[in-house]
Amino acid sequence: MRTGIRLDSSGSRGLRAALIASALGMAPLAASTAATPADGAMPVEAGTAAAELSAEIVPLVEAPLADTSDDPGAEQAATTPLGTGTASYYGRKFHGRRTASGETFDMGAMTAAHRTLPFGSLVRVTNPANGRSVTVRINDRGPFSRGRVIDVSRAAAEELGLITRGHAPVALELIGG
């Protein structure tokens, strides 16, 4: 692939190495603050050819995440209440069919259908009658029955205790929103 950039022989090696390092997610060691002198000055003469400069290339490493195990509120993600309503479930009849998101419906997965929430949203569904709750991922549109706010998969319905009646009042919370 030609880029239209012409390099002279003295600068091409250093630039080529920098481009390759950049493509591989690496940076020259001199680019880090640990490799610079304390005063921040880089002792390089203006006439020095790039081929004479040697730069050690090291991979970029992400900083470790802060340990939040001492924080009791860190375990629970931020939630946004979505309100209450009636939940129903769908299962065997739709198993293996395509959902509105394009994936195949699996009645054994913790998924659900909602009219407006974006696909991939995580929702905590709680049955206040028995205190059980599950987290489902929105991957379909619905429910299309009047008065229902969410359709959960059969696996989620079993966890919530919806199987016998087929529907129940629930409370919804958006996780991470």
C-alpha atoms as a PDB file:
ATOM      1  CA  MET A   1       0.000   0.000   0.000  1.00  0.00           C
ATOM      2  CA  ARG A   2       1.445   3.365  -0.988  1.00  0.00           C
ATOM      3  CA  THR A   3       0.800   6.365   1.197  1.00  0.00           C
ATOM      4  CA  GLY A   4       2.371   9.046  -0.958  1.00  0.00           C
ATOM      5  CA  ILE A   5       4.939   9.933   1.732  1.00  0.00           C
ATOM      6  CA  ARG A   6       8.532   9.832   0.547  1.00  0.00           C
ATOM      7  CA  LEU A   7      11.181   9.346   3.209  1.00  0.00           C
ATOM      8  CA  ASP A   8      14.887   9.963   2.891  1.00  0.00           C
ATOM      9  CA  SER A   9      17.156   7.135   4.045  1.00  0.00           C
ATOM     10  CA  SER A  10      18.318   8.887   7.216  1.00  0.00           C
ATOM     11  CA  GLY A  11      14.843   9.401   8.702  1.00  0.00           C
ATOM     12  CA  SER A  12      12.991   6.435   7.307  1.00  0.00           C
ATOM     13  CA  ARG A  13      14.222   3.809   9.761  1.00  0.00           C
ATOM     14  CA  GLY A  14      13.194   5.734  12.887  1.00  0.00           C
ATOM     15  CA  LEU A  15       9.870   6.810  11.433  1.00  0.00           C
ATOM     16  CA  ARG A  16       9.145   3.303  10.158  1.00  0.00           C
ATOM     17  CA  ALA A  17       9.868   1.877  13.636  1.00  0.00           C
ATOM     18  CA  ALA A  18       7.613   4.482  15.229  1.00  0.00           C
ATOM     19  CA  LEU A  19       4.766   3.697  12.793  1.00  0.00           C
ATOM     20  CA  ILE A  20       5.099  -0.051  13.387  1.00  0.00           C
ATOM     21  CA  ALA A  21       5.217   0.463  17.158  1.00  0.00           C
ATOM     22  CA  SER A  22       2.133   2.663  16.985  1.00  0.00           C
ATOM     23  CA  ALA A  23       0.234   0.057  14.951  1.00  0.00           C
ATOM     24  CA  LEU A  24       1.123  -2.623  17.492  1.00  0.00           C
ATOM     25  CA  GLY A  25      -0.020  -0.509  20.435  1.00  0.00           C
ATOM     26  CA  MET A  26       3.501   0.122  21.632  1.00  0.00           C
ATOM     27  CA  ALA A  27       5.330   3.336  22.361  1.00  0.00           C
ATOM     28  CA  PRO A  28       9.024   4.213  22.442  1.00  0.00           C
ATOM     29  CA  LEU A  29      10.409   4.242  25.967  1.00  0.00           C
ATOM     30  CA  ALA A  30      11.521   7.822  25.433  1.00  0.00           C
ATOM     31  CA  ALA A  31       7.870   8.822  25.167  1.00  0.00           C
ATOM     32  CA  SER A  32       7.258   7.895  28.793  1.00  0.00           C
ATOM     33  CA  THR A  33       7.998  10.252  31.662  1.00  0.00           C
ATOM     34  CA  ALA A  34      10.230   7.638  33.287  1.00  0.00           C
ATOM     35  CA  ALA A  35      12.766   7.899  30.449  1.00  0.00           C
ATOM     36  CA  THR A  36      13.091  11.687  30.396  1.00  0.00           C
ATOM     37  CA  PRO A  37      15.678  13.511  32.448  1.00  0.00           C
ATOM     38  CA  ALA A  38      14.490  15.243  35.614  1.00  0.00           C
ATOM     39  CA  ASP A  39      14.545  18.683  33.981  1.00  0.00           C
ATOM     40  CA  GLY A  40      12.457  17.425  31.058  1.00  0.00           C
ATOM     41  CA  ALA A  41      15.086  18.342  28.438  1.00  0.00           C
ATOM     42  CA  MET A  42      15.943  15.786  25.799  1.00  0.00           C
ATOM     43  CA  PRO A  43      19.658  16.085  24.901  1.00  0.00           C
ATOM     44  CA  VAL A  44      19.398  15.511  21.133  1.00  0.00           C
ATOM     45  CA  GLU A  45      21.284  17.622  18.649  1.00  0.00           C
ATOM     46  CA  ALA A  46      19.364  19.011  15.704  1.00  0.00           C
ATOM     47  CA  GLY A  47      21.768  17.447  13.176  1.00  0.00           C
ATOM     48  CA  THR A  48      21.607  13.912  14.591  1.00  0.00           C
ATOM     49  CA  ALA A  49      20.230  11.440  12.080  1.00  0.00           C
ATOM     50  CA  ALA A  50      17.293   9.298  13.113  1.00  0.00           C
ATOM     51  CA  ALA A  51      19.313   6.160  12.350  1.00  0.00           C
ATOM     52  CA  GLU A  52      21.814   7.105  15.062  1.00  0.00           C
ATOM     53  CA  LEU A  53      19.070   7.364  17.693  1.00  0.00           C
ATOM     54  CA  SER A  54      18.107   4.127  19.331  1.00  0.00           C
ATOM     55  CA  ALA A  55      14.764   3.831  21.029  1.00  0.00           C
ATOM     56  CA  GLU A  56      13.708   0.866  23.064  1.00  0.00           C
ATOM     57  CA  ILE A  57      10.124  -0.086  22.282  1.00  0.00           C
ATOM     58  CA  VAL A  58       8.081  -1.403  25.170  1.00  0.00           C
ATOM     59  CA  PRO A  59       4.391  -2.427  25.221  1.00  0.00           C
ATOM     60  CA  LEU A  60       1.894  -0.040  26.761  1.00  0.00           C
ATOM     61  CA  VAL A  61       0.463  -1.499  29.941  1.00  0.00           C
ATOM     62  CA  GLU A  62      -2.864  -0.399  31.364  1.00  0.00           C
ATOM     63  CA  ALA A  63      -2.852   0.764  34.954  1.00  0.00           C
ATOM     64  CA  PRO A  64      -4.356  -1.765  37.373  1.00  0.00           C
ATOM     65  CA  LEU A  65      -7.846  -1.051  38.596  1.00  0.00           C
ATOM     66  CA  ALA A  66      -8.171   0.384  42.075  1.00  0.00           C
ATOM     67  CA  ASP A  67      -9.055  -2.146  44.758  1.00  0.00           C
ATOM     68  CA  THR A  68     -12.585  -1.353  45.884  1.00  0.00           C
ATOM     69  CA  SER A  69     -13.127  -4.470  47.999  1.00  0.00           C
ATOM     70  CA  ASP A  70     -13.234  -2.361  51.181  1.00  0.00           C
ATOM     71  CA  ASP A  71     -16.039  -0.210  49.794  1.00  0.00           C
ATOM     72  CA  PRO A  72     -19.402  -1.950  50.478  1.00  0.00           C
ATOM     73  CA  GLY A  73     -21.221   0.093  47.803  1.00  0.00           C
ATOM     74  CA  ALA A  74     -18.702  -0.801  45.089  1.00  0.00           C
ATOM     75  CA  GLU A  75     -20.080  -4.320  44.587  1.00  0.00           C
ATOM     76  CA  GLN A  76     -23.465  -3.063  43.451  1.00  0.00           C
ATOM     77  CA  ALA A  77     -23.621  -1.200  40.166  1.00  0.00           C
ATOM     78  CA  ALA A  78     -25.537   2.046  39.922  1.00  0.00           C
ATOM     79  CA  THR A  79     -29.193   1.411  39.159  1.00  0.00           C
ATOM     80  CA  THR A  80     -32.002   3.551  37.813  1.00  0.00           C
ATOM     81  CA  PRO A  81     -35.555   2.616  38.821  1.00  0.00           C
ATOM     82  CA  LEU A  82     -37.773   2.032  35.787  1.00  0.00           C
ATOM     83  CA  GLY A  83     -41.009   1.540  37.709  1.00  0.00           C
ATOM     84  CA  THR A  84     -43.356  -1.363  38.209  1.00  0.00           C
ATOM     85  CA  GLY A  85     -45.705  -3.324  36.003  1.00  0.00           C
ATOM     86  CA  THR A  86     -46.661  -6.807  34.952  1.00  0.00           C
ATOM     87  CA  ALA A  87     -44.130  -9.257  33.581  1.00  0.00           C
ATOM     88  CA  SER A  88     -44.860 -12.341  31.523  1.00  0.00           C
ATOM     89  CA  TYR A  89     -42.588 -14.909  29.933  1.00  0.00           C
ATOM     90  CA  TYR A  90     -42.079 -16.557  26.587  1.00  0.00           C
ATOM     91  CA  GLY A  91     -40.331 -19.805  25.934  1.00  0.00           C
ATOM     92  CA  ARG A  92     -40.826 -23.007  23.976  1.00  0.00           C
ATOM     93  CA  LYS A  93     -42.866 -21.535  21.093  1.00  0.00           C
ATOM     94  CA  PHE A  94     -40.164 -18.929  20.322  1.00  0.00           C
ATOM     95  CA  HIS A  95     -37.078 -21.016  21.177  1.00  0.00           C
ATOM     96  CA  GLY A  96     -34.609 -20.941  18.276  1.00  0.00           C
ATOM     97  CA  ARG A  97     -36.304 -18.060  16.449  1.00  0.00           C
ATOM     98  CA  ARG A  98     -34.608 -14.754  15.684  1.00  0.00           C
ATOM     99  CA  THR A  99     -35.109 -11.903  18.125  1.00  0.00           C
ATOM    100  CA  ALA A 100     -35.437  -8.258  17.092  1.00  0.00           C
ATOM    101  CA  SER A 101     -31.728  -7.778  17.877  1.00  0.00           C
ATOM    102  CA  GLY A 102     -30.833 -10.506  15.371  1.00  0.00           C
ATOM    103  CA  GLU A 103     -29.661 -13.144  17.815  1.00  0.00           C
ATOM    104  CA  THR A 104     -31.325 -16.512  18.270  1.00  0.00           C
ATOM    105  CA  PHE A 105     -33.733 -16.725  21.199  1.00  0.00           C
ATOM    106  CA  ASP A 106     -32.672 -19.189  23.887  1.00  0.00           C
ATOM    107  CA  MET A 107     -35.338 -19.854  26.502  1.00  0.00           C
ATOM    108  CA  GLY A 108     -32.604 -21.044  28.886  1.00  0.00           C
ATOM    109  CA  ALA A 109     -30.732 -17.717  28.815  1.00  0.00           C
ATOM    110  CA  MET A 110     -31.377 -14.743  31.102  1.00  0.00           C
ATOM    111  CA  THR A 111     -32.817 -12.443  28.445  1.00  0.00           C
ATOM    112  CA  ALA A 112     -35.928 -10.320  28.021  1.00  0.00           C
ATOM    113  CA  ALA A 113     -38.006  -8.248  25.632  1.00  0.00           C
ATOM    114  CA  HIS A 114     -38.776  -4.586  26.315  1.00  0.00           C
ATOM    115  CA  ARG A 115     -40.483  -2.013  24.105  1.00  0.00           C
ATOM    116  CA  THR A 116     -37.971   0.843  24.348  1.00  0.00           C
ATOM    117  CA  LEU A 117     -34.758  -0.058  26.209  1.00  0.00           C
ATOM    118  CA  PRO A 118     -31.656  -0.412  24.001  1.00  0.00           C
ATOM    119  CA  PHE A 119     -30.491  -3.908  23.121  1.00  0.00           C
ATOM    120  CA  GLY A 120     -27.829  -5.083  25.550  1.00  0.00           C
ATOM    121  CA  SER A 121     -29.264  -3.141  28.503  1.00  0.00           C
ATOM    122  CA  LEU A 122     -29.117  -5.005  31.808  1.00  0.00           C
ATOM    123  CA  VAL A 123     -32.292  -4.884  33.861  1.00  0.00           C
ATOM    124  CA  ARG A 124     -32.897  -6.201  37.369  1.00  0.00           C
ATOM    125  CA  VAL A 125     -36.398  -7.664  37.556  1.00  0.00           C
ATOM    126  CA  THR A 126     -37.757  -8.196  41.088  1.00  0.00           C
ATOM    127  CA  ASN A 127     -40.896 -10.092  42.071  1.00  0.00           C
ATOM    128  CA  PRO A 128     -42.045  -8.309  45.268  1.00  0.00           C
ATOM    129  CA  ALA A 129     -44.422 -11.160  46.173  1.00  0.00           C
ATOM    130  CA  ASN A 130     -41.533 -13.548  46.894  1.00  0.00           C
ATOM    131  CA  GLY A 131     -38.512 -11.200  46.944  1.00  0.00           C
ATOM    132  CA  ARG A 132     -36.730 -13.002  44.104  1.00  0.00           C
ATOM    133  CA  SER A 133     -34.840 -11.011  41.497  1.00  0.00           C
ATOM    134  CA  VAL A 134     -32.849 -11.729  38.343  1.00  0.00           C
ATOM    135  CA  THR A 135     -30.716  -9.683  35.994  1.00  0.00           C
ATOM    136  CA  VAL A 136     -31.702 -10.009  32.348  1.00  0.00           C
ATOM    137  CA  ARG A 137     -30.230  -8.628  29.134  1.00  0.00           C
ATOM    138  CA  ILE A 138     -32.613  -6.952  26.683  1.00  0.00           C
ATOM    139  CA  ASN A 139     -32.344  -8.646  23.277  1.00  0.00           C
ATOM    140  CA  ASP A 140     -35.879  -8.437  21.872  1.00  0.00           C
ATOM    141  CA  ARG A 141     -38.863  -6.117  21.446  1.00  0.00           C
ATOM    142  CA  GLY A 142     -42.157  -6.646  23.207  1.00  0.00           C
ATOM    143  CA  PRO A 143     -44.266  -7.499  25.067  1.00  0.00           C
ATOM    144  CA  PHE A 144     -47.164  -7.114  22.713  1.00  0.00           C
ATOM    145  CA  SER A 145     -49.821  -7.987  25.305  1.00  0.00           C
ATOM    146  CA  ARG A 146     -51.740  -5.057  26.749  1.00  0.00           C
ATOM    147  CA  GLY A 147     -50.691  -4.121  30.282  1.00  0.00           C
ATOM    148  CA  ARG A 148     -47.311  -5.916  30.268  1.00  0.00           C
ATOM    149  CA  VAL A 149     -44.001  -4.055  30.681  1.00  0.00           C
ATOM    150  CA  ILE A 150     -41.492  -6.862  30.077  1.00  0.00           C
ATOM    151  CA  ASP A 151     -41.361 -10.407  28.709  1.00  0.00           C
ATOM    152  CA  VAL A 152     -38.642 -12.518  30.302  1.00  0.00           C
ATOM    153  CA  SER A 153     -37.215 -15.823  29.072  1.00  0.00           C
ATOM    154  CA  ARG A 154     -38.427 -19.064  30.631  1.00  0.00           C
ATOM    155  CA  ALA A 155     -35.217 -19.427  32.676  1.00  0.00           C
ATOM    156  CA  ALA A 156     -35.708 -15.945  34.178  1.00  0.00           C
ATOM    157  CA  ALA A 157     -39.405 -16.691  34.783  1.00  0.00           C
ATOM    158  CA  GLU A 158     -38.503 -19.835  36.723  1.00  0.00           C
ATOM    159  CA  GLU A 159     -36.124 -17.860  38.937  1.00  0.00           C
ATOM    160  CA  LEU A 160     -38.788 -15.210  39.540  1.00  0.00           C
ATOM    161  CA  GLY A 161     -41.578 -17.718  40.209  1.00  0.00           C
ATOM    162  CA  LEU A 162     -43.743 -16.685  37.221  1.00  0.00           C
ATOM    163  CA  ILE A 163     -44.270 -20.102  35.645  1.00  0.00           C
ATOM    164  CA  THR A 164     -47.443 -21.148  37.489  1.00  0.00           C
ATOM    165  CA  ARG A 165     -49.498 -18.010  36.790  1.00  0.00           C
ATOM    166  CA  GLY A 166     -47.653 -16.945  33.645  1.00  0.00           C
ATOM    167  CA  HIS A 167     -47.418 -13.333  34.798  1.00  0.00           C
ATOM    168  CA  ALA A 168     -46.785 -11.319  37.949  1.00  0.00           C
ATOM    169  CA  PRO A 169     -46.254  -7.758  39.134  1.00  0.00           C
ATOM    170  CA  VAL A 170     -42.574  -6.807  39.099  1.00  0.00           C
ATOM    171  CA  ALA A 171     -40.261  -3.864  39.759  1.00  0.00           C
ATOM    172  CA  LEU A 172     -37.648  -2.960  37.131  1.00  0.00           C
ATOM    173  CA  GLU A 173     -34.251  -1.307  37.598  1.00  0.00           C
ATOM    174  CA  LEU A 174     -31.790  -0.409  34.847  1.00  0.00           C
ATOM    175  CA  ILE A 175     -28.301  -1.525  35.874  1.00  0.00           C
ATOM    176  CA  GLY A 176     -25.421   0.773  35.041  1.00  0.00           C
ATOM    177  CA  GLY A 177     -27.684   3.566  33.879  1.00  0.00           C
END
